[in-house]
Protein backbone atom coordinates (compact mmCIF):
# COMPACT_ATOMS: atom_id res chain seq x y z
CA MET A 1 29.14 3.62 2.61
CA ASN A 2 31.89 6.45 2.47
CA GLU A 3 30.70 9.43 -0.05
CA GLU A 4 33.04 8.09 -2.72
CA LEU A 5 31.63 4.62 -3.04
CA SER A 6 27.96 5.87 -3.08
CA ASN A 7 28.49 8.33 -5.85
CA ILE A 8 30.33 5.59 -7.96
CA LEU A 9 27.21 3.33 -7.44
CA GLN A 10 24.57 6.12 -8.15
CA ARG A 11 26.78 6.96 -11.62
CA VAL A 12 26.53 2.71 -12.11
CA HIS A 13 23.01 3.01 -11.52
CA THR A 14 22.52 5.09 -14.75
CA LEU A 15 24.21 3.69 -16.73
CA TYR A 16 22.68 0.50 -16.00
CA ARG A 17 19.49 2.52 -16.61
CA LYS A 18 20.38 3.67 -19.85
CA TYR A 19 22.48 0.77 -21.38
CA GLY A 20 21.25 -2.28 -18.66
CA ILE A 21 23.54 -4.39 -16.86
CA LYS A 22 24.41 -7.17 -19.34
CA SER A 23 26.05 -4.56 -21.77
CA VAL A 24 27.74 -2.38 -19.16
CA THR A 25 31.37 -3.82 -18.31
CA MET A 26 33.94 -3.01 -15.78
CA ASP A 27 36.12 -1.53 -18.29
CA ASP A 28 32.94 0.76 -19.74
CA VAL A 29 32.55 1.67 -16.16
CA SER A 30 36.08 2.59 -15.82
CA ARG A 31 36.06 4.51 -18.68
CA GLU A 32 32.80 6.52 -17.99
CA LEU A 33 33.53 7.06 -14.25
CA GLY A 34 36.75 9.05 -15.62
CA ILE A 35 38.78 6.21 -13.26
CA SER A 36 40.72 3.62 -13.39
CA LYS A 37 40.06 -0.22 -12.69
CA LYS A 38 42.74 -0.79 -9.92
CA THR A 39 40.68 1.98 -8.25
CA LEU A 40 37.21 0.75 -9.50
CA TYR A 41 38.46 -2.64 -7.66
CA GLN A 42 39.34 -1.03 -4.52
CA TYR A 43 35.63 -0.91 -3.34
CA VAL A 44 33.83 -3.96 -5.20
CA ARG A 45 35.56 -7.59 -6.09
CA ASP A 46 33.82 -8.01 -9.05
CA LYS A 47 30.74 -7.10 -11.44
CA ASP A 48 28.78 -9.39 -9.26
CA GLU A 49 29.46 -7.36 -6.24
CA LEU A 50 28.99 -4.25 -7.84
CA VAL A 51 25.36 -4.88 -9.49
CA ARG A 52 24.70 -6.10 -5.83
CA LYS A 53 25.70 -2.91 -4.38
CA VAL A 54 24.10 -0.88 -6.86
CA ILE A 55 20.62 -2.64 -6.06
CA GLU A 56 21.18 -2.29 -2.15
CA LEU A 57 21.82 1.74 -2.76
CA GLU A 58 18.94 1.83 -5.04
CA ILE A 59 16.63 -0.20 -2.23
CA SER A 60 17.76 1.84 0.37
CA THR A 61 17.43 5.49 -1.16
CA ARG A 62 14.29 4.14 -1.92
CA HIS A 63 12.79 3.73 1.36
CA ASP A 64 14.46 6.95 2.80
CA TYR A 65 12.81 8.90 -0.11
CA MET A 66 9.38 7.44 1.06
CA HIS A 67 9.98 7.88 4.94
CA ASP A 68 10.82 11.36 4.26
CA SER A 69 7.53 12.14 2.69
CA CYS A 70 5.70 10.92 5.24
CA LYS A 71 5.64 14.04 7.51
CA GLU A 72 3.62 14.78 11.33
CA ASN A 73 2.52 17.46 9.93
CA LEU A 74 0.66 16.65 6.95
CA ASN A 75 -2.64 14.85 7.66
CA ALA A 76 -3.30 11.82 5.57
CA ILE A 77 -4.19 13.08 2.41
CA GLU A 78 -1.73 15.35 2.13
CA GLU A 79 0.70 12.44 2.89
CA LEU A 80 -1.03 10.28 0.75
CA THR A 81 -0.23 12.57 -1.96
CA GLU A 82 3.04 12.81 -0.94
CA ILE A 83 3.37 9.27 -1.52
CA ALA A 84 2.20 9.07 -4.39
CA ARG A 85 4.55 11.69 -5.87
CA CYS A 86 7.06 9.44 -4.31
CA ILE A 87 5.97 6.44 -6.28
CA GLY A 88 5.82 8.79 -9.48
CA TYR A 89 9.19 9.56 -9.09
CA MET A 90 10.24 5.64 -8.45
CA LEU A 91 8.47 4.49 -11.36
CA LYS A 92 10.15 6.91 -13.52
CA GLU A 93 13.03 5.76 -12.39
CA TYR A 94 12.45 2.20 -13.85
CA SER A 95 14.28 0.79 -16.93
CA ALA A 96 12.47 -2.38 -18.48
CA VAL A 97 16.01 -3.40 -19.65
CA THR A 98 17.54 -3.29 -16.50
CA GLU A 99 14.81 -4.88 -15.21
CA TYR A 100 14.79 -7.59 -17.64
CA ASP A 101 18.57 -7.88 -17.22
CA LEU A 102 18.31 -8.35 -13.68
CA ARG A 103 15.74 -11.10 -14.29
CA LYS A 104 17.76 -12.74 -16.59
CA TYR A 105 21.50 -12.59 -15.07
CA TYR A 106 20.62 -11.86 -11.33
CA PRO A 107 17.37 -13.48 -10.58
CA ASP A 108 18.33 -13.65 -6.96
CA LEU A 109 18.52 -9.36 -6.84
CA TYR A 110 15.77 -9.32 -8.92
CA VAL A 111 13.46 -11.52 -6.60
CA ARG A 112 14.67 -9.45 -3.64
CA MET A 113 14.25 -5.65 -5.21
CA ARG A 114 10.38 -6.61 -6.27
CA GLU A 115 9.61 -8.12 -2.86
CA VAL A 116 11.22 -5.01 -1.11
CA ARG A 117 9.62 -3.03 -3.49
CA ARG A 118 6.16 -4.72 -2.44
CA GLU A 119 6.69 -4.35 0.60
CA GLN A 120 7.82 -0.54 1.06
CA MET A 121 4.43 0.20 -1.07
CA TYR A 122 2.18 -1.94 1.18
CA ARG A 123 4.13 -0.66 4.34
CA PHE A 124 3.58 3.12 3.60
CA ILE A 125 -0.09 2.57 2.31
CA GLN A 126 -1.01 0.72 5.06
CA ASP A 127 0.45 3.20 7.82
CA ASN A 128 -1.71 5.95 5.55
CA LEU A 129 -4.96 4.31 6.04
CA ILE A 130 -4.78 3.87 9.66
CA LYS A 131 -3.40 7.21 10.18
CA GLY A 132 -6.80 8.50 8.07
CA LYS A 133 -8.84 6.63 9.75
CA LYS A 134 -7.60 7.75 13.33
CA GLU A 135 -7.75 11.42 11.95
CA GLY A 136 -11.32 10.62 11.22
CA LEU A 137 -11.07 11.55 6.96
CA TYR A 138 -11.10 8.22 5.87
CA ARG A 139 -13.67 5.53 6.20
CA GLU A 140 -14.21 3.63 9.71
CA ASN A 141 -15.10 0.55 7.70
CA LEU A 142 -12.19 0.27 5.61
CA ASN A 143 -9.95 -2.88 5.19
CA VAL A 144 -6.34 -2.10 5.77
CA ASP A 145 -5.11 -5.23 4.46
CA ILE A 146 -7.14 -5.64 1.33
CA LEU A 147 -6.78 -2.22 0.40
CA SER A 148 -2.80 -1.90 0.75
CA ARG A 149 -2.56 -5.38 -1.25
CA LEU A 150 -5.04 -3.90 -4.34
CA SER A 151 -3.12 -1.21 -4.24
CA VAL A 152 0.29 -2.60 -4.55
CA SER A 153 -0.98 -5.14 -6.96
CA TYR A 154 -2.62 -2.18 -9.27
CA ILE A 155 0.74 -0.49 -9.10
CA ASP A 156 3.03 -3.87 -9.72
CA SER A 157 0.33 -4.71 -12.33
CA MET A 158 1.43 -1.71 -14.58
CA PHE A 159 4.46 -3.29 -15.46
CA GLU A 160 3.14 -5.86 -17.48
CA SER A 161 -0.28 -4.30 -18.43
CA GLU A 162 -1.77 -4.77 -21.97
CA VAL A 163 -4.61 -2.04 -21.50
CA ILE A 164 -2.58 0.93 -19.77
CA THR A 165 1.05 1.64 -21.21
CA LEU A 166 3.71 2.30 -18.71
CA THR A 167 3.91 5.45 -20.57
CA GLU A 168 0.65 6.47 -19.98
CA PHE A 169 1.10 5.48 -15.93
CA LEU A 170 4.42 7.75 -15.68
CA ASP A 171 2.21 10.59 -17.01
CA GLN A 172 1.46 12.97 -13.68
CA HIS A 173 -1.85 13.63 -15.05
CA PHE A 174 -2.59 9.98 -15.18
CA PHE A 175 -1.20 9.07 -11.93
CA PHE A 176 -3.39 12.27 -10.24
CA GLU A 177 -6.48 10.99 -11.52
CA TYR A 178 -5.76 7.43 -10.27
CA LEU A 179 -5.54 9.25 -6.97
CA VAL A 180 -8.37 11.10 -7.14
CA TYR A 181 -10.56 8.10 -7.64
CA HIS A 182 -8.77 6.05 -4.71
CA LEU A 183 -9.08 8.97 -2.43
CA ARG A 184 -12.97 9.00 -3.01
CA GLY A 185 -13.62 6.22 -2.55
CA ILE A 186 -12.06 5.51 0.77
CA ALA A 187 -12.54 9.24 2.10
CA ASN A 188 -15.71 9.88 4.42
CA GLU A 189 -17.59 12.99 3.84
CA LYS A 190 -14.76 15.36 6.22
CA GLY A 191 -12.22 13.68 4.51
CA LEU A 192 -14.17 14.35 0.87
CA GLN A 193 -14.28 18.45 2.07
CA VAL A 194 -10.33 18.01 3.27
CA LEU A 195 -9.82 16.66 -0.47
CA GLU A 196 -11.90 19.19 -2.48
CA ILE A 197 -10.09 22.07 -0.47
CA GLN A 198 -6.41 20.51 -1.73
CA LEU A 199 -7.91 19.67 -5.25
CA ARG A 200 -8.53 24.02 -5.26
CA ASN A 201 -5.37 24.67 -3.67
CA LEU A 202 -3.67 22.62 -6.54
CA GLU A 203 -5.83 23.70 -9.20
CA ALA A 204 -4.82 27.52 -7.91
CA GLY A 205 -1.35 26.64 -7.67
CA LYS A 206 -1.22 25.97 -11.51
CA GLN A 207 -2.44 29.19 -12.55
């Protein structure tokens, strides 16, 4: 994908998050981006293809963002903090109106996006649990598959929860409390010591 097309798709994605997909016409895109429709149609045949390319770019960007968070010099607890930060960032990009339009007018794309989102979260959480066990920071008897699915299910359920609003869940303090709660449940004694050190460092960084 060339840089110009990527820039167009990112800007269109911003329009979709703000106004939804259905209400944004090709004329709107042309006008907002300051390019002619002729130029726009050099990159996509029609709106359906534009929507598909925007969603594909979002999926690719999300994968790269999470992959970059898993650095070799981080232990599993530090890495999980980075992964949680990435998930929090992606959740902040969530747009209810865009998701509604995808579900109603582009059901195939909607299903693909949800499946990929769940798969990505599952894979990164699973890898982190395996890494933590190898490093001796997580409990040896953890069931990696069950915990990975539970974590994905919890995050995914926030989009339709009537107990916790999405605004509350997206708050960094709320998400941080969930992260610490999760880590205290999976860490062994050594891992808890590492966690306490990290929490003190994070607290010191706020001062």
